[in-house]
Amino acid sequence: MSWNDPQLLPDYGGPCFNHQEARLKQLDIHDDRNRLIPPWKLYKVLKPDTLILADVSLHCYIYPKKTPNEDGHKVIGSYI
């Protein structure tokens, strides 16, 4: 597992990103030649209409509503 500087992302910057020790995780995403795609190239490589295959785990929790505006559901992606 490799970790990179988040400033490598093309849309990183501004006052909202005041990270001191944040690191960008290299996800297990490969191109059609089975080469890892670095996080800062994902925007360019995974364009609209790109077909992807993903092995994911999603968990849905249903809890009592506290207010009428809540939907009572929470979905969490465990891993991608």
Protein backbone atom coordinates (compact mmCIF):
# COMPACT_ATOMS: atom_id res chain seq x y z
CA MET A 1 0.00 0.00 0.00
CA SER A 2 1.40 3.34 -0.97
CA TRP A 3 0.54 6.77 0.43
CA ASN A 4 0.98 10.06 -1.45
CA ASP A 5 0.71 13.76 -0.79
CA PRO A 6 -2.92 14.90 -1.34
CA GLN A 7 -1.65 18.01 -3.15
CA LEU A 8 -1.09 15.74 -6.18
CA LEU A 9 -4.86 15.78 -6.82
CA PRO A 10 -5.87 18.28 -9.51
CA ASP A 11 -8.76 19.72 -7.45
CA TYR A 12 -6.88 19.97 -4.14
CA GLY A 13 -6.42 23.42 -2.71
CA GLY A 14 -8.00 26.33 -0.96
CA PRO A 15 -8.80 27.06 2.69
CA CYS A 16 -10.87 23.88 3.15
CA PHE A 17 -7.77 21.73 2.72
CA ASN A 18 -5.66 22.64 5.73
CA HIS A 19 -4.26 19.14 6.24
CA GLN A 20 -1.16 18.69 8.32
CA GLU A 21 -0.43 14.96 8.05
CA ALA A 22 -3.06 13.77 5.56
CA ARG A 23 -2.04 11.16 3.02
CA LEU A 24 -3.64 10.00 -0.20
CA LYS A 25 -4.16 6.24 -0.34
CA GLN A 26 -3.30 4.33 -3.53
CA LEU A 27 -6.44 2.31 -4.29
CA ASP A 28 -6.34 -1.01 -6.11
CA ILE A 29 -7.64 0.41 -9.41
CA HIS A 30 -6.04 -0.88 -12.62
CA ASP A 31 -6.28 0.13 -16.27
CA ASP A 32 -6.96 -2.24 -19.17
CA ARG A 33 -3.27 -3.27 -19.17
CA ASN A 34 -3.44 -4.14 -15.45
CA ARG A 35 -1.31 -1.15 -14.39
CA LEU A 36 -2.19 0.73 -11.21
CA ILE A 37 -3.83 4.10 -11.83
CA PRO A 38 -2.46 6.75 -9.46
CA PRO A 39 -5.17 8.79 -7.67
CA TRP A 40 -4.26 12.04 -9.45
CA LYS A 41 -4.90 10.38 -12.86
CA LEU A 42 -8.31 8.90 -11.99
CA TYR A 43 -10.16 11.97 -13.33
CA LYS A 44 -8.46 11.61 -16.70
CA VAL A 45 -8.63 7.81 -17.03
CA LEU A 46 -12.12 7.16 -15.61
CA LYS A 47 -14.15 9.44 -17.87
CA PRO A 48 -17.93 9.33 -18.32
CA ASP A 49 -19.00 6.16 -20.16
CA THR A 50 -16.02 4.21 -18.77
CA LEU A 51 -16.96 0.64 -17.89
CA ILE A 52 -15.66 -0.46 -14.50
CA LEU A 53 -15.80 -3.75 -12.60
CA ALA A 54 -15.88 -3.35 -8.84
CA ASP A 55 -15.85 -5.75 -5.91
CA VAL A 56 -17.53 -3.76 -3.14
CA SER A 57 -19.17 -4.27 0.21
CA LEU A 58 -22.11 -2.06 1.16
CA HIS A 59 -24.01 -2.12 4.44
CA CYS A 60 -27.41 -0.50 4.92
CA TYR A 61 -28.59 0.35 8.41
CA ILE A 62 -32.22 1.19 9.11
CA TYR A 63 -32.75 3.16 12.30
CA PRO A 64 -35.73 4.92 13.87
CA LYS A 65 -36.45 8.40 12.56
CA LYS A 66 -35.84 11.23 15.04
CA THR A 67 -37.44 13.92 12.87
CA PRO A 68 -39.85 13.76 9.91
CA ASN A 69 -37.06 14.98 7.58
CA GLU A 70 -34.83 11.95 8.19
CA ASP A 71 -35.11 8.95 5.91
CA GLY A 72 -33.97 6.42 8.54
CA HIS A 73 -31.28 4.84 6.36
CA LYS A 74 -27.52 4.94 6.39
CA VAL A 75 -25.42 3.26 3.71
CA ILE A 76 -21.71 2.66 4.27
CA GLY A 77 -19.14 1.39 1.75
CA SER A 78 -16.78 -0.87 3.69
CA TYR A 79 -14.24 -1.32 0.94
CA ILE A 80 -13.95 -0.64 -2.74
